Amino acid sequence: MRNDILEHRIFVENNILKGFKTDLVQAKKETDTNPSEGTKTAGNYKKGHIKFGGYEMVIENPKGSIRSGKDGDGNKWSIKMNNTYGYFLKTLGRDKDHIDVFINDKKDLDKFNGDIYIVDQVDKDGNFDEHKIMYGFDNKADAKKAYLSNYSRGWKMGKINSASKDVFDRWMKSSKRKIKPFSNYIDNMK
């Protein structure tokens, strides 16, 4: 029995078996989870890449890693990631960076067909800051819980909206840069 397990493990590790779960494990392994402050600021540390749903995600922080930095006032912060976090390539958000995304590591996102949740994240004054995509979550409550679990207690979230994959894709293709809250887009769809 032990040989069967070892052979299966070698089979998976050699990427003979393809699929989202195997690709996610590999992409996480490729991500530098302890970059220096300088390389974090420059954004030029090693990151994993994975494709799903017609998008390519760049992984900055795998589930279980520590995400850290400084806030606008220069205060240091850090948090253990409960979901894999990164951004979608070929997108541009309000902050002039790529659009950020959290994924549900437990789902096979190659087969995921549920709603996608878009957080209109706010700054400390309650003004729209940027979008955070919650991909692969079963419902709005799960997406909200996952989002908040990746931030410090007391973090202001902003409004969260759901969208079918079709509506999400149309929104993503609707403009080169996303500068308004998703809630504005969804309101105009009604």
N, C-alpha and C. Protein backbone atom coordinates (compact mmCIF):
# COMPACT_ATOMS: atom_id res chain seq x y z
N MET A 1 0.82 -1.19 0.00
CA MET A 1 0.00 0.00 0.00
C MET A 1 0.87 1.26 0.00
N ARG A 2 1.99 1.21 0.71
CA ARG A 2 2.88 2.36 0.80
C ARG A 2 3.44 2.74 -0.57
N ASN A 3 3.78 1.78 -1.40
CA ASN A 3 4.28 2.05 -2.75
C ASN A 3 3.24 2.76 -3.61
N ASP A 4 1.97 2.35 -3.45
CA ASP A 4 0.89 3.00 -4.21
C ASP A 4 0.80 4.48 -3.86
N ILE A 5 0.90 4.79 -2.57
CA ILE A 5 0.82 6.19 -2.12
C ILE A 5 2.01 6.97 -2.65
N LEU A 6 3.20 6.39 -2.55
CA LEU A 6 4.41 7.06 -3.04
C LEU A 6 4.35 7.28 -4.54
N GLU A 7 3.90 6.28 -5.28
CA GLU A 7 3.78 6.43 -6.74
C GLU A 7 2.77 7.52 -7.10
N HIS A 8 1.65 7.58 -6.38
CA HIS A 8 0.65 8.62 -6.65
C HIS A 8 1.24 10.01 -6.35
N ARG A 9 1.96 10.13 -5.26
CA ARG A 9 2.58 11.41 -4.88
C ARG A 9 3.57 11.86 -5.94
N ILE A 10 4.41 10.97 -6.41
CA ILE A 10 5.39 11.30 -7.47
C ILE A 10 4.65 11.71 -8.73
N PHE A 11 3.57 11.00 -9.04
CA PHE A 11 2.74 11.30 -10.20
C PHE A 11 2.22 12.73 -10.14
N VAL A 12 1.68 13.13 -8.99
CA VAL A 12 1.14 14.48 -8.81
C VAL A 12 2.27 15.51 -8.83
N GLU A 13 3.35 15.24 -8.09
CA GLU A 13 4.47 16.20 -8.01
C GLU A 13 5.12 16.45 -9.36
N ASN A 14 5.10 15.50 -10.23
CA ASN A 14 5.68 15.69 -11.55
C ASN A 14 4.70 16.34 -12.53
N ASN A 15 3.57 16.79 -11.99
CA ASN A 15 2.56 17.50 -12.78
C ASN A 15 2.03 16.69 -13.95
N ILE A 16 2.10 15.37 -13.85
CA ILE A 16 1.49 14.54 -14.87
C ILE A 16 -0.03 14.70 -14.74
N LEU A 17 -0.48 14.81 -13.50
CA LEU A 17 -1.89 15.03 -13.21
C LEU A 17 -2.12 16.54 -13.23
N LYS A 18 -2.88 17.04 -14.17
CA LYS A 18 -3.12 18.48 -14.30
C LYS A 18 -4.49 18.83 -13.75
N GLY A 19 -4.65 20.08 -13.40
CA GLY A 19 -5.92 20.56 -12.90
C GLY A 19 -5.70 21.71 -11.95
N PHE A 20 -6.78 22.37 -11.59
CA PHE A 20 -6.67 23.57 -10.77
C PHE A 20 -5.95 23.32 -9.46
N LYS A 21 -6.35 22.29 -8.73
CA LYS A 21 -5.76 22.03 -7.41
C LYS A 21 -4.24 21.82 -7.51
N THR A 22 -3.81 21.02 -8.47
CA THR A 22 -2.38 20.77 -8.66
C THR A 22 -1.67 22.05 -9.09
N ASP A 23 -2.29 22.81 -9.99
CA ASP A 23 -1.69 24.06 -10.45
C ASP A 23 -1.59 25.08 -9.31
N LEU A 24 -2.61 25.11 -8.43
CA LEU A 24 -2.58 26.03 -7.30
C LEU A 24 -1.45 25.69 -6.33
N VAL A 25 -1.28 24.42 -6.04
CA VAL A 25 -0.18 23.99 -5.16
C VAL A 25 1.15 24.44 -5.74
N GLN A 26 1.34 24.24 -7.03
CA GLN A 26 2.59 24.63 -7.69
C GLN A 26 2.78 26.14 -7.67
N ALA A 27 1.72 26.90 -7.96
CA ALA A 27 1.82 28.37 -7.98
C ALA A 27 2.15 28.91 -6.59
N LYS A 28 1.59 28.30 -5.57
CA LYS A 28 1.90 28.73 -4.19
C LYS A 28 3.37 28.48 -3.87
N LYS A 29 3.89 27.32 -4.31
CA LYS A 29 5.30 26.98 -4.06
C LYS A 29 6.23 27.98 -4.74
N GLU A 30 5.80 28.52 -5.88
CA GLU A 30 6.63 29.45 -6.65
C GLU A 30 6.64 30.87 -6.07
N THR A 31 5.79 31.13 -5.09
CA THR A 31 5.65 32.48 -4.53
C THR A 31 6.61 32.69 -3.37
N ASP A 32 7.39 33.77 -3.43
CA ASP A 32 8.28 34.15 -2.34
C ASP A 32 7.42 34.72 -1.23
N THR A 33 7.32 34.00 -0.11
CA THR A 33 6.46 34.42 0.99
C THR A 33 7.18 35.29 2.01
N ASN A 34 8.44 35.60 1.76
CA ASN A 34 9.19 36.44 2.70
C ASN A 34 10.07 37.44 1.95
N PRO A 35 9.47 38.25 1.07
CA PRO A 35 10.29 39.23 0.34
C PRO A 35 10.73 40.38 1.25
N SER A 36 11.80 41.02 0.90
CA SER A 36 12.26 42.18 1.67
C SER A 36 11.29 43.34 1.45
N GLU A 37 11.34 44.33 2.33
CA GLU A 37 10.48 45.51 2.18
C GLU A 37 10.72 46.18 0.83
N GLY A 38 11.97 46.25 0.41
CA GLY A 38 12.31 46.89 -0.86
C GLY A 38 11.71 46.17 -2.05
N THR A 39 11.80 44.83 -2.06
CA THR A 39 11.24 44.09 -3.19
C THR A 39 9.71 44.10 -3.15
N LYS A 40 9.12 44.16 -1.92
CA LYS A 40 7.66 44.28 -1.83
C LYS A 40 7.20 45.61 -2.42
N THR A 41 7.89 46.67 -2.06
CA THR A 41 7.53 48.00 -2.56
C THR A 41 7.67 48.05 -4.08
N ALA A 42 8.76 47.48 -4.59
CA ALA A 42 9.00 47.47 -6.04
C ALA A 42 8.10 46.46 -6.74
N GLY A 43 7.61 45.46 -5.99
CA GLY A 43 6.74 44.45 -6.57
C GLY A 43 7.47 43.44 -7.43
N ASN A 44 8.79 43.36 -7.27
CA ASN A 44 9.55 42.49 -8.17
C ASN A 44 10.06 41.21 -7.50
N TYR A 45 9.29 40.68 -6.56
CA TYR A 45 9.66 39.39 -5.97
C TYR A 45 8.93 38.27 -6.72
N LYS A 46 9.37 37.05 -6.53
CA LYS A 46 8.83 35.88 -7.24
C LYS A 46 7.39 35.61 -6.81
N LYS A 47 6.52 35.52 -7.81
CA LYS A 47 5.10 35.27 -7.56
C LYS A 47 4.62 34.11 -8.42
N GLY A 48 3.68 33.36 -7.89
CA GLY A 48 3.09 32.26 -8.64
C GLY A 48 1.99 32.77 -9.56
N HIS A 49 1.69 32.00 -10.60
CA HIS A 49 0.64 32.35 -11.57
C HIS A 49 -0.29 31.15 -11.75
N ILE A 50 -1.58 31.45 -11.85
CA ILE A 50 -2.56 30.40 -12.07
C ILE A 50 -3.71 30.96 -12.91
N LYS A 51 -4.26 30.13 -13.79
CA LYS A 51 -5.37 30.55 -14.65
C LYS A 51 -6.65 29.84 -14.23
N PHE A 52 -7.75 30.59 -14.26
CA PHE A 52 -9.08 30.03 -14.03
C PHE A 52 -10.12 31.06 -14.46
N GLY A 53 -11.26 30.60 -14.89
CA GLY A 53 -12.37 31.47 -15.24
C GLY A 53 -12.08 32.48 -16.34
N GLY A 54 -11.05 32.23 -17.16
CA GLY A 54 -10.70 33.16 -18.21
C GLY A 54 -9.74 34.26 -17.76
N TYR A 55 -9.23 34.16 -16.54
CA TYR A 55 -8.33 35.17 -15.98
C TYR A 55 -7.03 34.51 -15.53
N GLU A 56 -5.97 35.32 -15.48
CA GLU A 56 -4.72 34.84 -14.91
C GLU A 56 -4.48 35.59 -13.62
N MET A 57 -4.35 34.84 -12.54
CA MET A 57 -4.11 35.41 -11.22
C MET A 57 -2.63 35.31 -10.89
N VAL A 58 -2.10 36.39 -10.36
CA VAL A 58 -0.74 36.41 -9.84
C VAL A 58 -0.86 36.31 -8.32
N ILE A 59 -0.22 35.33 -7.73
CA ILE A 59 -0.31 35.11 -6.29
C ILE A 59 0.78 35.90 -5.57
N GLU A 60 0.34 36.80 -4.70
CA GLU A 60 1.26 37.56 -3.86
C GLU A 60 1.42 36.93 -2.48
N ASN A 61 0.31 36.43 -1.94
CA ASN A 61 0.30 35.84 -0.60
C ASN A 61 -0.53 34.57 -0.60
N PRO A 62 0.11 33.40 -0.56
CA PRO A 62 -0.64 32.15 -0.46
C PRO A 62 -1.34 32.04 0.90
N LYS A 63 -2.39 31.26 0.94
CA LYS A 63 -3.07 30.98 2.20
C LYS A 63 -2.04 30.49 3.21
N GLY A 64 -2.10 31.04 4.43
CA GLY A 64 -1.17 30.65 5.49
C GLY A 64 0.06 31.52 5.59
N SER A 65 0.34 32.32 4.57
CA SER A 65 1.50 33.21 4.64
C SER A 65 1.15 34.47 5.43
N ILE A 66 2.16 35.25 5.74
CA ILE A 66 1.97 36.51 6.47
C ILE A 66 2.06 37.67 5.48
N ARG A 67 1.03 38.48 5.44
CA ARG A 67 1.01 39.69 4.63
C ARG A 67 1.29 40.85 5.57
N SER A 68 2.22 41.72 5.18
CA SER A 68 2.58 42.83 6.06
C SER A 68 2.93 44.07 5.24
N GLY A 69 2.98 45.18 5.92
CA GLY A 69 3.33 46.43 5.27
C GLY A 69 3.19 47.59 6.23
N LYS A 70 3.04 48.79 5.67
CA LYS A 70 2.83 50.00 6.46
C LYS A 70 1.58 50.70 5.94
N ASP A 71 0.79 51.24 6.86
CA ASP A 71 -0.40 51.97 6.44
C ASP A 71 -0.02 53.39 6.03
N GLY A 72 -1.00 54.17 5.64
CA GLY A 72 -0.76 55.54 5.17
C GLY A 72 -0.11 56.43 6.21
N ASP A 73 -0.25 56.09 7.48
CA ASP A 73 0.35 56.87 8.56
C ASP A 73 1.72 56.34 8.97
N GLY A 74 2.22 55.30 8.27
CA GLY A 74 3.53 54.74 8.58
C GLY A 74 3.54 53.67 9.65
N ASN A 75 2.35 53.25 10.11
CA ASN A 75 2.26 52.20 11.12
C ASN A 75 2.39 50.82 10.48
N LYS A 76 3.23 49.98 11.07
CA LYS A 76 3.41 48.61 10.56
C LYS A 76 2.19 47.76 10.92
N TRP A 77 1.87 46.82 10.01
CA TRP A 77 0.80 45.88 10.25
C TRP A 77 1.19 44.53 9.65
N SER A 78 0.59 43.46 10.14
CA SER A 78 0.78 42.14 9.54
C SER A 78 -0.42 41.27 9.91
N ILE A 79 -0.71 40.33 9.02
CA ILE A 79 -1.83 39.43 9.25
C ILE A 79 -1.57 38.10 8.52
N LYS A 80 -1.98 37.02 9.16
CA LYS A 80 -1.90 35.70 8.53
C LYS A 80 -3.04 35.58 7.53
N MET A 81 -2.73 35.18 6.31
CA MET A 81 -3.73 35.08 5.25
C MET A 81 -4.55 33.79 5.39
N ASN A 82 -5.86 33.94 5.40
CA ASN A 82 -6.77 32.81 5.46
C ASN A 82 -7.24 32.36 4.09
N ASN A 83 -6.88 33.14 3.08
CA ASN A 83 -7.19 32.82 1.68
C ASN A 83 -6.00 33.25 0.83
N THR A 84 -5.82 32.61 -0.29
CA THR A 84 -4.77 33.02 -1.22
C THR A 84 -5.18 34.36 -1.83
N TYR A 85 -4.20 35.27 -1.92
CA TYR A 85 -4.45 36.66 -2.33
C TYR A 85 -3.47 37.08 -3.42
N GLY A 86 -3.97 37.85 -4.34
CA GLY A 86 -3.13 38.39 -5.40
C GLY A 86 -3.93 39.33 -6.27
N TYR A 87 -3.68 39.26 -7.56
CA TYR A 87 -4.38 40.15 -8.48
C TYR A 87 -4.52 39.50 -9.85
N PHE A 88 -5.49 40.04 -10.62
CA PHE A 88 -5.71 39.58 -11.98
C PHE A 88 -4.81 40.39 -12.92
N LEU A 89 -4.05 39.68 -13.76
CA LEU A 89 -3.26 40.35 -14.79
C LEU A 89 -4.19 41.02 -15.80
N LYS A 90 -3.66 41.99 -16.49
CA LYS A 90 -4.39 42.70 -17.56
C LYS A 90 -5.63 43.40 -17.03
N THR A 91 -5.59 43.85 -15.78
CA THR A 91 -6.67 44.64 -15.20
C THR A 91 -6.05 45.89 -14.57
N LEU A 92 -6.88 46.89 -14.36
CA LEU A 92 -6.40 48.13 -13.76
C LEU A 92 -7.50 48.70 -12.88
N GLY A 93 -7.18 48.88 -11.61
CA GLY A 93 -8.14 49.39 -10.65
C GLY A 93 -8.00 50.87 -10.40
N ARG A 94 -8.81 51.36 -9.50
CA ARG A 94 -8.82 52.79 -9.15
C ARG A 94 -7.45 53.25 -8.67
N ASP A 95 -6.75 52.39 -7.94
CA ASP A 95 -5.44 52.74 -7.38
C ASP A 95 -4.31 52.63 -8.42
N LYS A 96 -4.66 52.40 -9.67
CA LYS A 96 -3.72 52.25 -10.79
C LYS A 96 -2.88 50.98 -10.71
N ASP A 97 -3.26 50.08 -9.82
CA ASP A 97 -2.66 48.75 -9.74
C ASP A 97 -3.65 47.76 -10.34
N HIS A 98 -3.21 46.51 -10.48
CA HIS A 98 -4.11 45.45 -10.93
C HIS A 98 -5.24 45.27 -9.91
N ILE A 99 -6.34 44.67 -10.35
CA ILE A 99 -7.48 44.43 -9.46
C ILE A 99 -7.18 43.21 -8.58
N ASP A 100 -7.33 43.42 -7.28
CA ASP A 100 -7.00 42.40 -6.28
C ASP A 100 -8.08 41.33 -6.18
N VAL A 101 -7.64 40.12 -5.80
CA VAL A 101 -8.57 39.00 -5.70
C VAL A 101 -8.15 38.07 -4.56
N PHE A 102 -9.14 37.60 -3.81
CA PHE A 102 -9.00 36.54 -2.83
C PHE A 102 -9.70 35.32 -3.43
N ILE A 103 -9.09 34.15 -3.30
CA ILE A 103 -9.76 32.95 -3.81
C ILE A 103 -10.02 31.96 -2.68
N ASN A 104 -11.06 31.16 -2.89
CA ASN A 104 -11.38 30.07 -1.98
C ASN A 104 -10.52 28.88 -2.38
N ASP A 105 -9.50 28.61 -1.59
CA ASP A 105 -8.54 27.54 -1.89
C ASP A 105 -9.18 26.16 -1.89
N LYS A 106 -10.35 26.03 -1.29
CA LYS A 106 -11.00 24.72 -1.19
C LYS A 106 -11.80 24.36 -2.43
N LYS A 107 -12.02 25.30 -3.31
CA LYS A 107 -12.83 25.07 -4.51
C LYS A 107 -11.95 24.78 -5.72
N ASP A 108 -12.48 24.02 -6.65
CA ASP A 108 -11.83 23.82 -7.94
C ASP A 108 -12.35 24.93 -8.84
N LEU A 109 -11.57 25.99 -9.00
CA LEU A 109 -12.05 27.16 -9.73
C LEU A 109 -12.13 26.94 -11.23
N ASP A 110 -11.58 25.84 -11.73
CA ASP A 110 -11.80 25.47 -13.13
C ASP A 110 -13.26 25.06 -13.35
N LYS A 111 -13.89 24.57 -12.30
CA LYS A 111 -15.27 24.08 -12.40
C LYS A 111 -16.27 24.98 -11.68
N PHE A 112 -15.80 26.03 -11.05
CA PHE A 112 -16.68 26.90 -10.27
C PHE A 112 -17.67 27.63 -11.18
N ASN A 113 -18.94 27.61 -10.80
CA ASN A 113 -19.97 28.23 -11.62
C ASN A 113 -20.91 29.11 -10.79
N GLY A 114 -20.46 29.52 -9.60
CA GLY A 114 -21.31 30.33 -8.73
C GLY A 114 -21.08 31.82 -8.95
N ASP A 115 -21.74 32.62 -8.12
CA ASP A 115 -21.57 34.07 -8.18
C ASP A 115 -20.17 34.47 -7.71
N ILE A 116 -19.75 35.61 -8.20
CA ILE A 116 -18.49 36.22 -7.79
C ILE A 116 -18.88 37.44 -6.96
N TYR A 117 -18.13 37.71 -5.91
CA TYR A 117 -18.46 38.81 -5.00
C TYR A 117 -17.42 39.90 -5.14
N ILE A 118 -17.91 41.13 -5.26
CA ILE A 118 -17.04 42.28 -5.47
C ILE A 118 -17.23 43.23 -4.30
N VAL A 119 -16.14 43.48 -3.57
CA VAL A 119 -16.17 44.40 -2.44
C VAL A 119 -15.74 45.77 -2.95
N ASP A 120 -16.56 46.77 -2.69
CA ASP A 120 -16.18 48.16 -2.94
C ASP A 120 -15.50 48.66 -1.67
N GLN A 121 -14.22 48.31 -1.54
CA GLN A 121 -13.47 48.61 -0.31
C GLN A 121 -13.41 50.13 -0.09
N VAL A 122 -13.51 50.53 1.18
CA VAL A 122 -13.46 51.95 1.53
C VAL A 122 -12.20 52.27 2.32
N ASP A 123 -11.83 53.56 2.30
CA ASP A 123 -10.70 54.01 3.10
C ASP A 123 -11.16 54.33 4.51
N LYS A 124 -10.25 54.84 5.35
CA LYS A 124 -10.59 55.09 6.76
C LYS A 124 -11.68 56.15 6.91
N ASP A 125 -11.91 56.98 5.89
CA ASP A 125 -12.96 58.00 5.94
C ASP A 125 -14.28 57.51 5.34
N GLY A 126 -14.31 56.25 4.86
CA GLY A 126 -15.53 55.68 4.30
C GLY A 126 -15.73 55.94 2.82
N ASN A 127 -14.72 56.49 2.16
CA ASN A 127 -14.80 56.76 0.72
C ASN A 127 -14.32 55.55 -0.07
N PHE A 128 -14.91 55.34 -1.26
CA PHE A 128 -14.49 54.22 -2.10
C PHE A 128 -12.98 54.29 -2.36
N ASP A 129 -12.32 53.16 -2.14
CA ASP A 129 -10.87 53.07 -2.27
C ASP A 129 -10.49 52.23 -3.50
N GLU A 130 -10.90 50.97 -3.50
CA GLU A 130 -10.59 50.05 -4.59
C GLU A 130 -11.47 48.81 -4.49
N HIS A 131 -11.43 47.97 -5.54
CA HIS A 131 -12.19 46.73 -5.56
C HIS A 131 -11.35 45.59 -5.01
N LYS A 132 -12.03 44.67 -4.34
CA LYS A 132 -11.45 43.40 -3.93
C LYS A 132 -12.42 42.32 -4.40
N ILE A 133 -11.94 41.41 -5.22
CA ILE A 133 -12.77 40.35 -5.77
C ILE A 133 -12.69 39.13 -4.85
N MET A 134 -13.83 38.54 -4.57
CA MET A 134 -13.93 37.32 -3.76
C MET A 134 -14.42 36.22 -4.71
N TYR A 135 -13.52 35.31 -5.10
CA TYR A 135 -13.80 34.34 -6.15
C TYR A 135 -13.84 32.93 -5.57
N GLY A 136 -14.95 32.23 -5.83
CA GLY A 136 -15.06 30.83 -5.43
C GLY A 136 -15.78 30.62 -4.12
N PHE A 137 -16.49 31.61 -3.63
CA PHE A 137 -17.20 31.49 -2.36
C PHE A 137 -18.66 31.14 -2.61
N ASP A 138 -19.25 30.38 -1.68
CA ASP A 138 -20.60 29.84 -1.88
C ASP A 138 -21.70 30.88 -1.82
N ASN A 139 -21.52 31.91 -1.00
CA ASN A 139 -22.56 32.92 -0.84
C ASN A 139 -21.94 34.21 -0.30
N LYS A 140 -22.76 35.25 -0.23
CA LYS A 140 -22.28 36.57 0.20
C LYS A 140 -21.74 36.53 1.63
N ALA A 141 -22.41 35.79 2.51
CA ALA A 141 -21.96 35.70 3.90
C ALA A 141 -20.57 35.06 3.99
N ASP A 142 -20.34 34.00 3.21
CA ASP A 142 -19.02 33.35 3.21
C ASP A 142 -17.95 34.28 2.63
N ALA A 143 -18.30 35.01 1.57
CA ALA A 143 -17.35 35.94 0.96
C ALA A 143 -16.99 37.05 1.93
N LYS A 144 -17.98 37.59 2.62
CA LYS A 144 -17.75 38.66 3.60
C LYS A 144 -16.88 38.16 4.75
N LYS A 145 -17.21 36.98 5.26
CA LYS A 145 -16.43 36.39 6.36
C LYS A 145 -14.98 36.18 5.93
N ALA A 146 -14.78 35.66 4.73
CA ALA A 146 -13.42 35.42 4.23
C ALA A 146 -12.67 36.74 4.07
N TYR A 147 -13.33 37.73 3.48
CA TYR A 147 -12.69 39.04 3.30
C TYR A 147 -12.20 39.59 4.65
N LEU A 148 -13.11 39.64 5.61
CA LEU A 148 -12.77 40.24 6.92
C LEU A 148 -11.72 39.42 7.66
N SER A 149 -11.66 38.10 7.41
CA SER A 149 -10.67 37.27 8.10
C SER A 149 -9.24 37.56 7.66
N ASN A 150 -9.10 38.28 6.56
CA ASN A 150 -7.78 38.61 6.03
C ASN A 150 -7.34 40.03 6.39
N TYR A 151 -8.07 40.65 7.30
CA TYR A 151 -7.75 42.00 7.77
C TYR A 151 -7.80 42.05 9.29
N SER A 152 -7.22 43.09 9.85
CA SER A 152 -7.23 43.27 11.31
C SER A 152 -8.64 43.60 11.79
N ARG A 153 -8.90 43.26 13.03
CA ARG A 153 -10.20 43.54 13.65
C ARG A 153 -10.52 45.03 13.53
N GLY A 154 -11.76 45.33 13.19
CA GLY A 154 -12.19 46.72 13.06
C GLY A 154 -12.02 47.30 11.66
N TRP A 155 -11.53 46.50 10.72
CA TRP A 155 -11.32 46.96 9.34
C TRP A 155 -12.66 47.33 8.72
N LYS A 156 -12.70 48.47 8.01
CA LYS A 156 -13.91 48.89 7.30
C LYS A 156 -13.93 48.19 5.94
N MET A 157 -15.04 47.58 5.64
CA MET A 157 -15.13 46.76 4.45
C MET A 157 -15.66 47.52 3.23
N GLY A 158 -16.79 48.15 3.36
CA GLY A 158 -17.47 48.72 2.21
C GLY A 158 -18.57 47.78 1.75
N LYS A 159 -19.26 48.17 0.70
CA LYS A 159 -20.39 47.39 0.18
C LYS A 159 -19.89 46.17 -0.59
N ILE A 160 -20.61 45.07 -0.47
CA ILE A 160 -20.29 43.85 -1.22
C ILE A 160 -21.48 43.50 -2.11
N ASN A 161 -21.19 43.22 -3.37
CA ASN A 161 -22.22 42.86 -4.36
C ASN A 161 -21.88 41.51 -4.96
N SER A 162 -22.92 40.82 -5.41
CA SER A 162 -22.71 39.56 -6.12
C SER A 162 -22.96 39.78 -7.60
N ALA A 163 -22.31 38.96 -8.40
CA ALA A 163 -22.50 39.02 -9.85
C ALA A 163 -22.32 37.62 -10.42
N SER A 164 -23.15 37.30 -11.39
CA SER A 164 -22.94 36.04 -12.11
C SER A 164 -21.62 36.15 -12.87
N LYS A 165 -21.11 35.05 -13.32
CA LYS A 165 -19.85 35.05 -14.09
C LYS A 165 -20.01 35.91 -15.34
N ASP A 166 -21.16 35.84 -15.99
CA ASP A 166 -21.42 36.63 -17.19
C ASP A 166 -21.38 38.13 -16.89
N VAL A 167 -22.06 38.56 -15.83
CA VAL A 167 -22.07 39.98 -15.46
C VAL A 167 -20.67 40.42 -15.04
N PHE A 168 -19.98 39.59 -14.27
CA PHE A 168 -18.61 39.91 -13.86
C PHE A 168 -17.71 40.09 -15.08
N ASP A 169 -17.79 39.18 -16.03
CA ASP A 169 -16.97 39.28 -17.25
C ASP A 169 -17.29 40.56 -18.03
N ARG A 170 -18.58 40.89 -18.14
CA ARG A 170 -18.95 42.12 -18.84
C ARG A 170 -18.40 43.35 -18.13
N TRP A 171 -18.46 43.35 -16.81
CA TRP A 171 -17.90 44.47 -16.05
C TRP A 171 -16.39 44.58 -16.28
N MET A 172 -15.72 43.46 -16.23
CA MET A 172 -14.27 43.47 -16.41
C MET A 172 -13.89 44.00 -17.80
N LYS A 173 -14.72 43.71 -18.81
CA LYS A 173 -14.44 44.16 -20.18
C LYS A 173 -15.01 45.54 -20.48
N SER A 174 -15.79 46.11 -19.56
CA SER A 174 -16.52 47.35 -19.84
C SER A 174 -15.65 48.60 -19.92
N SER A 175 -14.49 48.57 -19.33
CA SER A 175 -13.59 49.73 -19.38
C SER A 175 -12.18 49.25 -19.08
N LYS A 176 -11.21 50.03 -19.51
CA LYS A 176 -9.82 49.66 -19.28
C LYS A 176 -9.47 49.74 -17.79
N ARG A 177 -9.98 50.76 -17.12
CA ARG A 177 -9.66 50.99 -15.71
C ARG A 177 -10.95 51.11 -14.91
N LYS A 178 -11.01 50.43 -13.80
CA LYS A 178 -12.19 50.45 -12.92
C LYS A 178 -11.99 51.54 -11.86
N ILE A 179 -12.72 52.66 -12.02
CA ILE A 179 -12.53 53.78 -11.08
C ILE A 179 -13.75 54.04 -10.19
N LYS A 180 -14.89 53.44 -10.53
CA LYS A 180 -16.10 53.64 -9.75
C LYS A 180 -16.46 52.36 -9.01
N PRO A 181 -17.21 52.50 -7.92
CA PRO A 181 -17.65 51.30 -7.20
C PRO A 181 -18.44 50.36 -8.11
N PHE A 182 -18.29 49.06 -7.87
CA PHE A 182 -19.04 48.08 -8.64
C PHE A 182 -20.54 48.28 -8.44
N SER A 183 -20.92 48.74 -7.26
CA SER A 183 -22.34 48.97 -6.99
C SER A 183 -22.94 49.97 -7.99
N ASN A 184 -22.17 50.93 -8.48
CA ASN A 184 -22.65 51.86 -9.52
C ASN A 184 -22.92 51.10 -10.82
N TYR A 185 -22.02 50.20 -11.17
CA TYR A 185 -22.18 49.42 -12.39
C TYR A 185 -23.41 48.53 -12.29
N ILE A 186 -23.55 47.83 -11.19
CA ILE A 186 -24.66 46.90 -11.03
C ILE A 186 -25.99 47.65 -11.01
N ASP A 187 -26.01 48.85 -10.41
CA ASP A 187 -27.24 49.65 -10.39
C ASP A 187 -27.64 50.05 -11.80
N ASN A 188 -26.67 50.32 -12.66
CA ASN A 188 -26.97 50.69 -14.05
C ASN A 188 -27.42 49.50 -14.90
N MET A 189 -27.17 48.30 -14.42
CA MET A 189 -27.56 47.08 -15.14
C MET A 189 -29.05 46.78 -14.95
N LYS A 190 -29.66 47.36 -13.91
CA LYS A 190 -31.05 47.05 -13.57
C LYS A 190 -32.02 47.79 -14.45
